[in-house]
Amino acid sequence: MKMAETFVLVHGAWHGGWCWAAVINQLERLGDRAYAVDLPGHGMNRADRAKVTLDSYVNSVAEFIERHDLKNVVLAGHSLGGVTIPGVAAKIPARIKRVVWVTAMVALDGQPIMDPATSPLAAAIDSLPERSVTIEMIGKEFLDGLTNDMTPALKEYVMSALGPQPLAPLLAPVPMAPYFATGIPSSYIVCEDDQTPVAGAPNWHPHFSSRLRNPTLKFVKSGHEVMFTHPVECARALHELASDD
């Protein structure tokens, strides 16, 4: 009999652990255990957004895993969650079985996801409330790409639930070398209809996925917000990746 897998799910920008509710439900139906973490300044985590950093993201997830004494964890991150998960795996490698990027950002070693020198948002960070940016500030093209396969009702719900995103984690250099040094297997869930704009590239795959080392790939016919639009397929992909050798 197949052993139950243990998943820890990390949300992306503007989201909270709440966004994984339907996926968790589906994973549990498959016999697995799954947890979603509210990163500092998101969801029910009321940390001061002006003081949130990438390190605080990493530490919060690692501490959650250690506090619950979770082992053989399949650690998955969606979108901006992709910059948090490698740091967690490098910090507590003995507890991590596999790391999965769910249509997520993969940084180049030592580089930030957002270039502080060229981003207007980065330049304005100190003048923004709580050093954070709302989803509405990103612009119509981004929003249209983010929600391209949502019904109007689902789009209204999701947009109303999103909170401000601290900018500091986007501007922090992301160390990838320590993660690669662990040898923990990597996977990438490709959302084939993801139309969210990516600077310098037409698509998230292979732009981001190619930065991983020999990742296993799963393809889902979905837009970027796969947790909402295709939770069954997302859970199945996670479940199947967890069993990969």
Protein backbone atom coordinates (compact mmCIF):
# COMPACT_ATOMS: atom_id res chain seq x y z
CA MET A 1 0.00 0.00 0.00
CA LYS A 2 1.32 3.41 -0.98
CA MET A 3 2.40 5.60 1.92
CA ALA A 4 0.70 8.95 2.39
CA GLU A 5 2.77 11.87 1.16
CA THR A 6 3.27 15.06 3.17
CA PHE A 7 2.97 18.37 1.35
CA VAL A 8 3.77 21.88 2.50
CA LEU A 9 2.36 24.46 0.10
CA VAL A 10 3.74 27.98 -0.23
CA HIS A 11 1.65 30.73 -1.82
CA GLY A 12 2.77 33.45 -4.19
CA ALA A 13 2.52 37.24 -4.22
CA TRP A 14 -0.64 38.85 -2.81
CA HIS A 15 -2.02 35.45 -1.80
CA GLY A 16 -2.17 33.57 1.49
CA GLY A 17 -2.36 29.97 2.56
CA TRP A 18 -6.10 30.17 1.94
CA CYS A 19 -5.51 29.92 -1.81
CA TRP A 20 -4.56 26.24 -1.47
CA ALA A 21 -7.81 25.13 0.21
CA ALA A 22 -9.25 23.24 -2.77
CA VAL A 23 -5.90 21.61 -3.59
CA ILE A 24 -5.49 20.47 0.02
CA ASN A 25 -8.97 18.97 -0.11
CA GLN A 26 -8.06 17.05 -3.26
CA LEU A 27 -4.71 15.85 -1.88
CA GLU A 28 -6.47 14.55 1.21
CA ARG A 29 -8.89 12.66 -1.03
CA LEU A 30 -5.83 11.03 -2.59
CA GLY A 31 -4.75 9.92 0.89
CA ASP A 32 -2.07 12.56 1.46
CA ARG A 33 -1.46 15.15 4.18
CA ALA A 34 -1.12 18.77 3.13
CA TYR A 35 -0.45 22.04 4.92
CA ALA A 36 -0.47 25.62 3.65
CA VAL A 37 1.61 28.33 5.30
CA ASP A 38 0.75 32.03 5.59
CA LEU A 39 4.00 33.85 4.84
CA PRO A 40 4.77 36.91 7.02
CA GLY A 41 2.43 39.76 6.14
CA HIS A 42 -0.04 37.50 4.32
CA GLY A 43 -3.30 35.84 5.30
CA MET A 44 -3.54 35.45 9.06
CA ASN A 45 0.15 36.20 9.60
CA ARG A 46 0.00 39.80 10.80
CA ALA A 47 3.73 40.56 10.57
CA ASP A 48 4.60 44.18 9.78
CA ARG A 49 4.73 44.21 5.97
CA ALA A 50 7.25 47.06 6.03
CA LYS A 51 9.72 44.72 7.75
CA VAL A 52 9.07 41.54 5.75
CA THR A 53 12.10 40.09 3.95
CA LEU A 54 12.88 37.02 1.86
CA ASP A 55 14.72 35.60 4.86
CA SER A 56 11.59 35.99 6.97
CA TYR A 57 9.63 34.09 4.31
CA VAL A 58 12.17 31.26 4.35
CA ASN A 59 12.42 31.13 8.14
CA SER A 60 8.64 31.06 8.60
CA VAL A 61 8.22 27.99 6.40
CA ALA A 62 11.22 26.17 7.85
CA GLU A 63 9.99 26.86 11.38
CA PHE A 64 6.50 25.60 10.47
CA ILE A 65 7.95 22.32 9.20
CA GLU A 66 10.17 21.91 12.26
CA ARG A 67 7.42 22.87 14.71
CA HIS A 68 5.13 20.20 13.27
CA ASP A 69 8.04 17.74 13.03
CA LEU A 70 7.25 17.02 9.38
CA LYS A 71 9.54 14.66 7.47
CA ASN A 72 9.91 13.60 3.82
CA VAL A 73 8.13 16.79 2.86
CA VAL A 74 7.18 17.58 -0.71
CA LEU A 75 7.65 21.35 -0.66
CA ALA A 76 5.71 23.21 -3.35
CA GLY A 77 5.62 26.90 -4.19
CA HIS A 78 3.35 28.79 -6.56
CA SER A 79 4.47 31.85 -8.54
CA LEU A 80 6.58 34.08 -6.23
CA GLY A 81 6.63 31.14 -3.81
CA GLY A 82 9.37 29.85 -6.08
CA VAL A 83 11.90 32.19 -4.47
CA THR A 84 11.10 30.95 -0.95
CA ILE A 85 11.17 27.19 -1.41
CA PRO A 86 14.84 26.74 -2.37
CA GLY A 87 15.93 28.61 0.76
CA VAL A 88 13.71 26.41 2.93
CA ALA A 89 15.10 23.24 1.36
CA ALA A 90 18.69 24.44 1.85
CA LYS A 91 17.96 25.32 5.49
CA ILE A 92 16.39 21.98 6.49
CA PRO A 93 17.40 19.53 3.71
CA ALA A 94 17.00 16.43 5.87
CA ARG A 95 13.25 17.08 6.09
CA ILE A 96 12.63 17.73 2.37
CA LYS A 97 11.95 14.94 -0.13
CA ARG A 98 11.28 17.00 -3.27
CA VAL A 99 10.78 20.64 -4.25
CA VAL A 100 8.07 21.54 -6.76
CA TRP A 101 7.73 24.85 -8.56
CA VAL A 102 4.05 25.32 -9.52
CA THR A 103 4.20 27.68 -12.51
CA ALA A 104 6.64 29.50 -10.28
CA MET A 105 9.60 31.85 -10.52
CA VAL A 106 13.08 30.33 -10.45
CA ALA A 107 15.79 32.88 -9.74
CA LEU A 108 19.30 32.92 -11.12
CA ASP A 109 21.77 32.32 -8.31
CA GLY A 110 22.43 35.48 -6.33
CA GLN A 111 20.01 37.61 -8.34
CA PRO A 112 16.65 39.11 -7.35
CA ILE A 113 13.43 38.42 -9.22
CA MET A 114 12.90 42.17 -9.71
CA ASP A 115 15.79 44.40 -10.78
CA PRO A 116 15.95 47.31 -8.32
CA ALA A 117 17.76 49.42 -10.93
CA THR A 118 15.06 49.23 -13.60
CA SER A 119 11.76 48.68 -11.79
CA PRO A 120 9.59 51.76 -11.16
CA LEU A 121 8.04 49.95 -8.22
CA ALA A 122 11.44 49.30 -6.72
CA ALA A 123 12.35 52.94 -7.08
CA ALA A 124 9.16 53.94 -5.27
CA ILE A 125 9.40 51.37 -2.51
CA ASP A 126 10.15 53.77 0.31
CA SER A 127 7.20 55.97 -0.55
CA LEU A 128 4.71 53.10 -0.81
CA PRO A 129 2.50 52.31 2.21
CA GLU A 130 4.10 49.52 4.26
CA ARG A 131 6.71 49.18 1.49
CA SER A 132 4.08 47.04 -0.24
CA VAL A 133 2.22 47.03 -3.55
CA THR A 134 -1.41 46.10 -4.24
CA ILE A 135 -2.41 43.91 -7.15
CA GLU A 136 -4.22 46.85 -8.76
CA MET A 137 -0.94 48.78 -9.00
CA ILE A 138 0.54 46.20 -11.36
CA GLY A 139 -1.65 47.11 -14.31
CA LYS A 140 -4.33 45.69 -16.58
CA GLU A 141 -2.04 43.55 -18.77
CA PHE A 142 -0.75 41.66 -15.75
CA LEU A 143 -4.23 41.20 -14.27
CA ASP A 144 -5.66 39.98 -17.56
CA GLY A 145 -2.86 37.43 -17.91
CA LEU A 146 -3.20 36.31 -14.31
CA THR A 147 -6.93 35.65 -14.60
CA ASN A 148 -7.28 34.66 -18.27
CA ASP A 149 -9.14 31.39 -17.61
CA MET A 150 -11.28 32.49 -14.67
CA THR A 151 -15.02 32.95 -14.74
CA PRO A 152 -16.13 36.51 -13.89
CA ALA A 153 -17.40 35.33 -10.49
CA LEU A 154 -14.15 33.53 -9.64
CA LYS A 155 -12.09 36.51 -10.76
CA GLU A 156 -14.16 38.82 -8.54
CA TYR A 157 -13.66 36.51 -5.56
CA VAL A 158 -9.92 36.09 -6.00
CA MET A 159 -9.25 39.77 -6.66
CA SER A 160 -11.24 40.72 -3.56
CA ALA A 161 -9.25 38.28 -1.41
CA LEU A 162 -5.74 39.33 -2.42
CA GLY A 163 -3.76 41.50 -0.02
CA PRO A 164 -0.77 43.86 -0.36
CA GLN A 165 2.55 42.32 -1.36
CA PRO A 166 5.73 43.39 0.47
CA LEU A 167 8.32 44.45 -2.08
CA ALA A 168 11.50 43.57 -0.21
CA PRO A 169 11.34 39.82 -1.03
CA LEU A 170 11.19 40.68 -4.74
CA LEU A 171 14.32 42.81 -4.50
CA ALA A 172 16.42 40.37 -2.46
CA PRO A 173 19.15 38.25 -4.09
CA VAL A 174 18.00 34.62 -4.17
CA PRO A 175 20.71 32.06 -3.32
CA MET A 176 20.15 28.99 -5.52
CA ALA A 177 23.59 27.34 -5.19
CA PRO A 178 22.96 26.12 -1.62
CA TYR A 179 19.74 24.45 -2.79
CA PHE A 180 21.41 22.77 -5.77
CA ALA A 181 24.16 21.55 -3.43
CA THR A 182 21.61 19.55 -1.42
CA GLY A 183 20.84 17.30 -4.39
CA ILE A 184 17.13 17.34 -3.52
CA PRO A 185 15.08 16.48 -6.65
CA SER A 186 13.31 19.34 -8.43
CA SER A 187 10.02 19.35 -10.32
CA TYR A 188 8.08 21.95 -12.26
CA ILE A 189 4.34 22.04 -12.94
CA VAL A 190 3.85 23.78 -16.26
CA CYS A 191 0.52 25.57 -16.66
CA GLU A 192 0.13 25.52 -20.41
CA ASP A 193 -2.27 28.47 -20.63
CA ASP A 194 -0.37 30.74 -18.22
CA GLN A 195 -0.43 34.16 -19.89
CA THR A 196 0.95 36.18 -16.96
CA PRO A 197 3.60 38.51 -18.41
CA VAL A 198 7.23 37.59 -17.77
CA ALA A 199 9.97 40.18 -18.19
CA GLY A 200 12.28 39.20 -21.02
CA ALA A 201 10.43 36.02 -22.04
CA PRO A 202 7.16 34.94 -23.66
CA ASN A 203 6.33 32.16 -21.18
CA TRP A 204 7.07 30.90 -17.67
CA HIS A 205 8.11 27.59 -19.21
CA PRO A 206 10.85 27.12 -20.26
CA HIS A 207 12.07 30.56 -19.10
CA PHE A 208 11.96 29.63 -15.41
CA SER A 209 11.86 25.82 -15.52
CA SER A 210 15.09 25.68 -17.53
CA ARG A 211 16.95 27.22 -14.59
CA LEU A 212 16.45 24.04 -12.56
CA ARG A 213 18.70 21.00 -12.86
CA ASN A 214 17.02 18.04 -14.56
CA PRO A 215 13.54 18.78 -13.21
CA THR A 216 10.68 16.38 -13.75
CA LEU A 217 7.83 18.16 -15.51
CA LYS A 218 4.07 17.86 -15.28
CA PHE A 219 1.80 19.72 -17.69
CA VAL A 220 -1.62 21.04 -16.69
CA LYS A 221 -4.00 22.75 -19.11
CA SER A 222 -4.52 25.82 -16.94
CA GLY A 223 -3.78 29.48 -16.49
CA HIS A 224 -1.59 30.87 -13.73
CA GLU A 225 -4.08 30.53 -10.87
CA VAL A 226 -4.26 26.75 -11.16
CA MET A 227 -5.18 26.33 -7.46
CA PHE A 228 -8.53 27.98 -8.18
CA THR A 229 -9.31 26.98 -11.76
CA HIS A 230 -7.98 23.40 -11.81
CA PRO A 231 -7.44 22.20 -8.22
CA VAL A 232 -8.12 18.54 -9.08
CA GLU A 233 -5.48 18.51 -11.82
CA CYS A 234 -3.03 20.47 -9.66
CA ALA A 235 -3.40 18.02 -6.77
CA ARG A 236 -3.04 15.04 -9.07
CA ALA A 237 0.15 16.48 -10.57
CA LEU A 238 1.59 17.10 -7.09
CA HIS A 239 0.59 13.61 -5.96
CA GLU A 240 2.21 11.97 -8.99
CA LEU A 241 5.40 14.04 -8.69
CA ALA A 242 5.75 13.00 -5.06
CA SER A 243 6.05 9.38 -6.18
CA ASP A 244 8.76 10.02 -8.77
CA ASP A 245 12.12 8.45 -8.09
